[in-house]
Amino acid sequence: MASFLDRLRLRSETLAAVRRFFNRHDFIDLGRYRMVWAIEEDGRVRHRFSTRVLTDFWRRYQIDFDRIILDGRLEAAALASVFPHVFAGVVLRGGDIPAAMITNISTIPVYVVGDAGLKKALDAAGHPNVTLGDEKGMMPWLQERKKTTPKKFSWRVSTPEHLFANWIKVREAKIGPETDLEVEVIDTEENPNTIKVDGKGIESIAFYLNDDIVDLDREVNLLLNGTPKKLGKLKREFAQFFERPPNTRKNMYFGWLFSSFVPGIKLPAPVVKAPPAVEDKPVQGDPALERKAQKYWDKAVAAESDGDTGLARQRYQAVVDVGATSFRKKALDKLEELKE
C-alpha cells in the first residue's frame, strides 16, 4: 500500500513540475529516451522502440501535435528521416548524418547545438533550414516551431524503413541509394491543381491528401514522370483518417489529418528525352589548306560538269587528301555518289 501511495505522490509531483515548466516556457520536455543501435551496419533504422515511446507519449498527454520536437544525435536524425510528418523540428547535438537522411529531413527545421561542422555538413547536403546556436538560444527557437505540410520535397528510399515520404507512401520500390522521389504541387494553367512526381526505382505509390496539399473542391491531377493522370474530384472522408490505416482511432495520433486517400498508383518509367540534334558544322581548317582544298574542289566540280567522272573523282580525292578542311566532308559525299 505504501509503495502504491509513493508512486501516486511521485506522479502528482511530476505532473505539478511539468505544469510549472509549461507555464514558464510554453514548451515541455516529457521524457528522454535512449535508442541503442539505432542504425544497423547496413544503414537500416531500428525505430520500433521509439515508435512505441512516441505512441505512449501522445496517448498519455494532451499535446499539440503540430509542435513535437525531436532532440538527440544520429538517432534523432534517423527517426525523423523515417517519420518526418510527425515532427515540427529536430535538435541535433552532433553525429555523422548520412546524406540520405539529410534529404529526408530537409522539410524539418534543424537546430544544431554548438557543432559548426555538423551545420556545415547539413548546409552542404542541401538542407534549407539549419540554425546553429547554444543551449540558451534553443528555447526561443523551439517556441517558434510549428509543423507544416510540405508541398515540395525530395525523398530517398535507401532502406526499407524509408517508405513514408511525408504524405506519399512508397508501396513498391527497388530499395537503394539511387531510388528517389522529387515531389512538387503545382497549380498552373497547363497543370492545374497537380501533384508532380518524378521518381527513379519506384513502381507504385499512394497519396494521403488534404486541403493543405491540393484543393479538394477541384479536380486533382497527377503528373507522374512526365505522364499526366486525372484523379477527378476526391471525397473528404472522416473514416479515412479515423478508422483506416494508420488508424488514428487506435494509435491516437491526431496529427494525422488526411481526409482523402489515393491507393496504389503505378509510376511509369521516366521519359527519356533524346539529346538535342547537333548541327554538323563544317570544320574550318588552316587557311592555307582551305585555299588548296578550294582549288581542287573547283577543278573537281568543273570536271564533273564536263562529264569526266574519272577526273572528278581524282580531284575530289585530292580535296580529301589535303586534310581537315570545310570541303573534306563534301568531297567524301561526292566520292560516294560517283562510286563506280
Protein backbone atom coordinates (compact mmCIF):
# COMPACT_ATOMS: atom_id res chain seq x y z
CA MET A 1 0.00 0.00 0.00
CA ALA A 2 2.84 2.38 0.89
CA SER A 3 4.56 1.64 -2.41
CA PHE A 4 1.39 2.49 -4.30
CA LEU A 5 0.97 5.77 -2.38
CA ASP A 6 4.62 6.66 -3.01
CA ARG A 7 4.17 6.13 -6.74
CA LEU A 8 0.96 8.17 -6.70
CA ARG A 9 2.68 11.03 -4.85
CA LEU A 10 5.65 10.93 -7.26
CA ARG A 11 3.32 11.06 -10.23
CA SER A 12 1.45 14.01 -8.72
CA GLU A 13 4.71 15.89 -8.04
CA THR A 14 5.94 15.18 -11.57
CA LEU A 15 2.77 16.50 -13.15
CA ALA A 16 2.93 19.60 -10.97
CA ALA A 17 6.53 20.23 -12.09
CA VAL A 18 5.50 19.79 -15.72
CA ARG A 19 2.69 22.32 -15.30
CA ARG A 20 5.08 24.86 -13.71
CA PHE A 21 7.59 24.41 -16.55
CA PHE A 22 4.86 24.72 -19.16
CA ASN A 23 3.56 27.94 -17.62
CA ARG A 24 7.06 29.46 -17.89
CA HIS A 25 8.17 28.20 -21.31
CA ASP A 26 5.10 27.08 -23.31
CA PHE A 27 7.18 24.01 -24.20
CA ILE A 28 7.76 20.89 -22.12
CA ASP A 29 10.25 18.04 -22.14
CA LEU A 30 8.14 14.98 -21.37
CA GLY A 31 10.89 12.43 -21.45
CA ARG A 32 14.38 11.49 -22.52
CA TYR A 33 14.81 8.10 -24.13
CA ARG A 34 17.92 6.42 -25.41
CA MET A 35 17.90 4.38 -28.61
CA VAL A 36 20.64 1.78 -28.68
CA TRP A 37 21.97 0.65 -32.08
CA ALA A 38 19.56 2.93 -33.92
CA ILE A 39 21.48 2.38 -37.16
CA GLU A 40 22.45 -1.09 -38.32
CA GLU A 41 25.68 -1.72 -40.22
CA ASP A 42 23.72 -1.88 -43.49
CA GLY A 43 22.14 1.55 -42.78
CA ARG A 44 18.73 0.27 -41.69
CA VAL A 45 16.93 2.24 -38.99
CA ARG A 46 15.76 0.47 -35.85
CA HIS A 47 12.75 2.54 -34.88
CA ARG A 48 10.27 0.16 -33.25
CA PHE A 49 11.27 1.03 -29.68
CA SER A 50 10.99 4.76 -30.35
CA THR A 51 7.70 4.27 -32.16
CA ARG A 52 6.27 2.65 -29.02
CA VAL A 53 7.65 5.51 -26.93
CA LEU A 54 6.01 8.10 -29.18
CA THR A 55 2.68 6.26 -29.19
CA ASP A 56 2.77 6.09 -25.39
CA PHE A 57 3.71 9.78 -25.30
CA TRP A 58 0.67 11.08 -27.18
CA ARG A 59 -1.68 8.62 -25.51
CA ARG A 60 -0.67 9.82 -22.03
CA TYR A 61 -0.56 13.58 -22.51
CA GLN A 62 -2.70 16.30 -24.03
CA ILE A 63 -0.28 17.70 -26.57
CA ASP A 64 -0.16 19.95 -29.59
CA PHE A 65 0.58 17.56 -32.45
CA ASP A 66 1.93 20.44 -34.52
CA ARG A 67 4.73 21.14 -32.02
CA ILE A 68 6.56 17.85 -31.37
CA ILE A 69 10.35 18.29 -31.39
CA LEU A 70 12.95 15.51 -31.52
CA ASP A 71 16.24 16.02 -29.66
CA GLY A 72 19.38 13.91 -29.96
CA ARG A 73 22.26 12.92 -32.20
CA LEU A 74 22.32 10.46 -35.11
CA GLU A 75 19.39 8.56 -33.59
CA ALA A 76 17.20 11.66 -33.71
CA ALA A 77 18.01 12.26 -37.37
CA ALA A 78 17.37 8.58 -38.12
CA LEU A 79 13.92 8.60 -36.53
CA ALA A 80 12.98 11.91 -38.17
CA SER A 81 14.02 10.52 -41.57
CA VAL A 82 11.50 7.69 -41.14
CA PHE A 83 8.62 9.80 -39.74
CA PRO A 84 9.14 13.38 -40.96
CA HIS A 85 5.37 14.03 -40.88
CA VAL A 86 5.40 13.77 -37.07
CA PHE A 87 7.95 16.44 -36.13
CA ALA A 88 7.94 20.23 -36.20
CA GLY A 89 11.71 20.36 -35.71
CA VAL A 90 14.82 18.41 -34.80
CA VAL A 91 17.56 19.39 -32.36
CA LEU A 92 20.89 17.77 -33.24
CA ARG A 93 23.85 17.61 -30.88
CA GLY A 94 26.44 16.09 -33.20
CA GLY A 95 26.92 12.92 -35.18
CA ASP A 96 27.78 11.96 -38.75
CA ILE A 97 24.42 12.13 -40.55
CA PRO A 98 24.19 10.10 -43.82
CA ALA A 99 23.23 12.05 -46.94
CA ALA A 100 20.01 10.07 -47.49
CA MET A 101 18.79 11.01 -44.00
CA ILE A 102 19.56 14.67 -44.60
CA THR A 103 17.48 14.57 -47.78
CA ASN A 104 14.54 13.03 -45.93
CA ILE A 105 14.59 15.58 -43.11
CA SER A 106 15.05 18.56 -45.41
CA THR A 107 11.45 19.66 -44.78
CA ILE A 108 12.05 19.81 -41.00
CA PRO A 109 13.83 22.80 -39.40
CA VAL A 110 17.02 21.74 -37.59
CA TYR A 111 18.71 23.39 -34.61
CA VAL A 112 22.35 22.36 -34.20
CA VAL A 113 23.72 22.76 -30.67
CA GLY A 114 27.30 24.05 -30.80
CA ASP A 115 28.60 21.92 -33.68
CA ALA A 116 29.66 24.17 -36.56
CA GLY A 117 30.98 21.17 -38.51
CA LEU A 118 27.58 19.47 -38.45
CA LYS A 119 25.86 22.68 -39.53
CA LYS A 120 28.29 22.98 -42.44
CA ALA A 121 27.65 19.35 -43.46
CA LEU A 122 23.87 19.85 -43.38
CA ASP A 123 24.16 23.03 -45.45
CA ALA A 124 26.44 21.31 -47.96
CA ALA A 125 23.94 18.44 -48.33
CA GLY A 126 21.24 20.93 -49.29
CA HIS A 127 19.21 21.26 -46.08
CA PRO A 128 17.50 24.66 -46.41
CA ASN A 129 16.72 25.42 -42.75
CA VAL A 130 19.57 24.85 -40.28
CA THR A 131 20.23 27.08 -37.27
CA LEU A 132 23.46 26.94 -35.24
CA GLY A 133 23.28 28.02 -31.62
CA ASP A 134 23.79 27.18 -27.96
CA GLU A 135 21.51 25.80 -25.26
CA LYS A 136 20.35 29.29 -24.33
CA GLY A 137 19.22 30.07 -27.84
CA MET A 138 17.38 26.80 -28.25
CA MET A 139 14.25 27.70 -26.26
CA PRO A 140 13.29 30.73 -28.40
CA TRP A 141 13.81 28.56 -31.48
CA LEU A 142 11.55 25.86 -30.01
CA GLN A 143 8.79 28.37 -29.27
CA GLU A 144 8.68 29.38 -32.93
CA ARG A 145 8.29 25.84 -34.26
CA LYS A 146 5.02 24.67 -35.76
CA LYS A 147 4.67 21.74 -38.14
CA THR A 148 3.72 22.49 -41.74
CA THR A 149 2.75 20.17 -44.59
CA PRO A 150 5.38 20.41 -47.34
CA LYS A 151 4.22 20.94 -50.91
CA LYS A 152 7.68 20.38 -52.37
CA PHE A 153 10.27 17.87 -51.20
CA SER A 154 12.88 15.29 -52.17
CA TRP A 155 12.99 11.76 -50.81
CA ARG A 156 15.47 8.87 -50.83
CA VAL A 157 14.39 5.22 -50.38
CA SER A 158 17.77 3.97 -49.19
CA THR A 159 16.41 1.42 -46.67
CA PRO A 160 13.09 -0.47 -46.23
CA GLU A 161 12.17 1.92 -43.40
CA HIS A 162 12.15 4.97 -45.69
CA LEU A 163 8.80 4.30 -47.32
CA PHE A 164 6.67 7.08 -45.83
CA ALA A 165 7.61 10.26 -47.68
CA ASN A 166 5.61 12.86 -45.76
CA TRP A 167 2.15 12.32 -47.37
CA ILE A 168 3.24 9.81 -50.02
CA LYS A 169 3.52 6.11 -49.22
CA VAL A 170 6.01 4.18 -51.35
CA ARG A 171 4.37 0.80 -51.94
CA GLU A 172 6.74 -0.91 -54.37
CA ALA A 173 10.33 0.12 -54.97
CA LYS A 174 13.84 -1.08 -55.55
CA ILE A 175 15.48 -0.21 -52.25
CA GLY A 176 18.82 1.51 -52.75
CA PRO A 177 20.74 4.80 -52.70
CA GLU A 178 19.67 5.70 -56.27
CA THR A 179 15.94 5.24 -55.60
CA ASP A 180 14.37 8.64 -55.06
CA LEU A 181 11.38 10.92 -55.47
CA GLU A 182 11.02 14.58 -56.38
CA VAL A 183 7.59 15.89 -55.42
CA GLU A 184 6.01 19.28 -56.07
CA VAL A 185 2.44 20.58 -56.00
CA ILE A 186 1.82 22.97 -58.89
CA ASP A 187 -1.20 24.95 -59.99
CA THR A 188 -0.74 26.48 -63.43
CA GLU A 189 -2.89 26.94 -66.50
CA GLU A 190 -1.17 23.97 -68.11
CA ASN A 191 -1.18 21.79 -64.97
CA PRO A 192 -3.99 22.92 -62.63
CA ASN A 193 -4.20 21.53 -59.07
CA THR A 194 -1.50 18.99 -59.91
CA ILE A 195 0.88 16.81 -57.92
CA LYS A 196 4.08 16.40 -59.92
CA VAL A 197 6.12 13.30 -59.04
CA ASP A 198 9.40 12.31 -60.66
CA GLY A 199 10.89 9.07 -59.40
CA LYS A 200 13.58 6.51 -60.08
CA GLY A 201 13.41 2.88 -58.99
CA ILE A 202 9.84 3.26 -57.69
CA GLU A 203 6.96 1.26 -59.15
CA SER A 204 3.92 2.17 -57.06
CA ILE A 205 2.92 4.94 -54.65
CA ALA A 206 -0.15 6.02 -52.66
CA PHE A 207 -1.25 9.51 -51.63
CA TYR A 208 -2.69 10.85 -48.36
CA LEU A 209 -4.23 14.22 -49.19
CA ASN A 210 -5.99 17.15 -47.58
CA ASP A 211 -6.75 20.78 -48.45
CA ASP A 212 -3.31 21.93 -47.25
CA ILE A 213 -1.83 20.00 -50.20
CA VAL A 214 -4.37 20.37 -53.01
CA ASP A 215 -7.79 21.97 -53.38
CA LEU A 216 -10.18 19.07 -52.85
CA ASP A 217 -13.07 21.17 -54.15
CA ARG A 218 -11.48 20.94 -57.59
CA GLU A 219 -10.37 18.05 -59.78
CA VAL A 220 -6.98 16.71 -58.76
CA ASN A 221 -4.37 15.79 -61.35
CA LEU A 222 -1.10 13.90 -61.29
CA LEU A 223 1.99 14.30 -63.44
CA LEU A 224 3.98 11.11 -62.97
CA ASN A 225 7.41 11.08 -64.59
CA GLY A 226 6.00 13.40 -67.22
CA THR A 227 2.84 11.33 -67.82
CA PRO A 228 -0.44 13.10 -66.91
CA LYS A 229 -3.19 11.29 -64.98
CA LYS A 230 -6.57 12.66 -63.90
CA LEU A 231 -7.94 11.71 -60.49
CA GLY A 232 -11.06 13.86 -60.69
CA LYS A 233 -12.72 15.16 -57.53
CA LEU A 234 -11.77 13.33 -54.35
CA LYS A 235 -14.11 12.84 -51.41
CA ARG A 236 -13.27 14.01 -47.93
CA GLU A 237 -13.96 11.07 -45.63
CA PHE A 238 -13.95 11.16 -41.86
CA ALA A 239 -13.31 7.40 -41.79
CA GLN A 240 -10.17 7.92 -43.85
CA PHE A 241 -8.09 9.35 -41.00
CA PHE A 242 -10.07 7.89 -38.11
CA GLU A 243 -10.54 4.22 -38.99
CA ARG A 244 -8.35 3.29 -41.95
CA PRO A 245 -4.58 2.67 -41.71
CA PRO A 246 -2.66 4.09 -39.98
CA ASN A 247 -5.83 4.08 -37.83
CA THR A 248 -5.88 7.28 -35.82
CA ARG A 249 -8.62 6.00 -33.54
CA LYS A 250 -6.37 3.16 -32.40
CA ASN A 251 -2.96 4.83 -32.17
CA MET A 252 -4.40 8.23 -31.15
CA TYR A 253 -2.01 10.21 -33.34
CA PHE A 254 -4.37 13.10 -34.03
CA GLY A 255 -1.75 14.90 -36.07
CA TRP A 256 -2.72 12.61 -38.96
CA LEU A 257 -5.40 14.70 -40.65
CA PHE A 258 -5.56 13.48 -44.23
CA SER A 259 -9.16 13.16 -45.38
CA SER A 260 -8.58 11.64 -48.84
CA PHE A 261 -6.63 8.57 -49.86
CA VAL A 262 -5.47 7.55 -53.33
CA PRO A 263 -4.29 3.90 -53.26
CA GLY A 264 -1.58 2.23 -55.35
CA ILE A 265 -0.81 4.37 -58.38
CA LYS A 266 1.70 2.89 -60.80
CA LEU A 267 4.60 5.21 -61.50
CA PRO A 268 5.50 4.99 -65.19
CA ALA A 269 9.11 4.76 -66.24
CA PRO A 270 10.83 8.13 -66.61
CA VAL A 271 10.55 9.66 -70.06
CA VAL A 272 13.98 9.61 -71.65
CA LYS A 273 14.41 12.72 -73.73
CA ALA A 274 16.53 12.45 -76.85
CA PRO A 275 19.58 14.70 -76.81
CA PRO A 276 19.25 17.78 -79.00
CA ALA A 277 20.47 17.28 -82.52
CA VAL A 278 23.98 18.53 -83.08
CA GLU A 279 24.35 20.55 -86.25
CA ASP A 280 27.05 19.10 -88.46
CA LYS A 281 29.10 22.22 -88.98
CA PRO A 282 31.94 22.11 -91.45
CA VAL A 283 35.39 22.05 -89.98
CA GLN A 284 37.36 25.22 -90.58
CA GLY A 285 40.97 24.22 -91.14
CA ASP A 286 44.19 26.07 -91.72
CA PRO A 287 43.67 28.99 -94.16
CA ALA A 288 46.40 27.69 -96.47
CA LEU A 289 44.80 24.23 -96.52
CA GLU A 290 41.40 25.78 -97.12
CA ARG A 291 42.71 27.60 -100.20
CA LYS A 292 44.35 24.41 -101.51
CA ALA A 293 41.18 22.36 -100.95
CA GLN A 294 39.11 25.10 -102.64
CA LYS A 295 41.37 24.89 -105.70
CA TYR A 296 40.96 21.10 -106.02
CA TRP A 297 37.20 21.39 -105.30
CA ASP A 298 36.65 23.89 -108.12
CA LYS A 299 38.58 21.66 -110.56
CA ALA A 300 36.57 18.59 -109.44
CA VAL A 301 33.25 20.41 -109.94
CA ALA A 302 34.37 21.56 -113.41
CA ALA A 303 35.41 18.01 -114.41
CA GLU A 304 32.08 16.64 -113.20
CA SER A 305 30.23 19.29 -115.23
CA ASP A 306 32.18 18.24 -118.33
CA GLY A 307 31.12 14.65 -117.76
CA ASP A 308 34.62 13.42 -116.87
CA THR A 309 33.72 11.49 -113.73
CA GLY A 310 37.11 9.79 -113.55
CA LEU A 311 38.96 13.11 -113.35
CA ALA A 312 36.30 14.46 -110.98
CA ARG A 313 36.90 11.55 -108.59
CA GLN A 314 40.63 12.23 -108.67
CA ARG A 315 40.10 15.89 -107.81
CA TYR A 316 37.60 15.08 -105.02
CA GLN A 317 40.12 12.59 -103.59
CA ALA A 318 42.75 15.35 -103.72
CA VAL A 319 40.40 17.50 -101.62
CA VAL A 320 40.15 14.71 -99.01
CA ASP A 321 43.91 14.21 -99.00
CA VAL A 322 44.51 17.87 -98.16
CA GLY A 323 43.29 17.15 -94.61
CA ALA A 324 40.80 18.69 -92.17
CA THR A 325 39.04 21.44 -94.12
CA SER A 326 35.48 22.60 -94.64
CA PHE A 327 35.50 20.83 -98.03
CA ARG A 328 36.50 17.38 -96.80
CA LYS A 329 33.05 16.03 -95.90
CA LYS A 330 31.52 17.34 -99.13
CA ALA A 331 34.30 15.67 -101.13
CA LEU A 332 33.71 12.35 -99.32
CA ASP A 333 30.00 12.56 -100.14
CA LYS A 334 30.83 13.22 -103.78
CA LEU A 335 33.21 10.25 -103.90
CA GLU A 336 30.44 8.03 -102.54
CA GLU A 337 27.99 9.45 -105.09
CA LEU A 338 30.38 8.92 -108.05
CA LYS A 339 31.49 5.45 -106.99
CA GLU A 340 31.55 3.02 -109.91
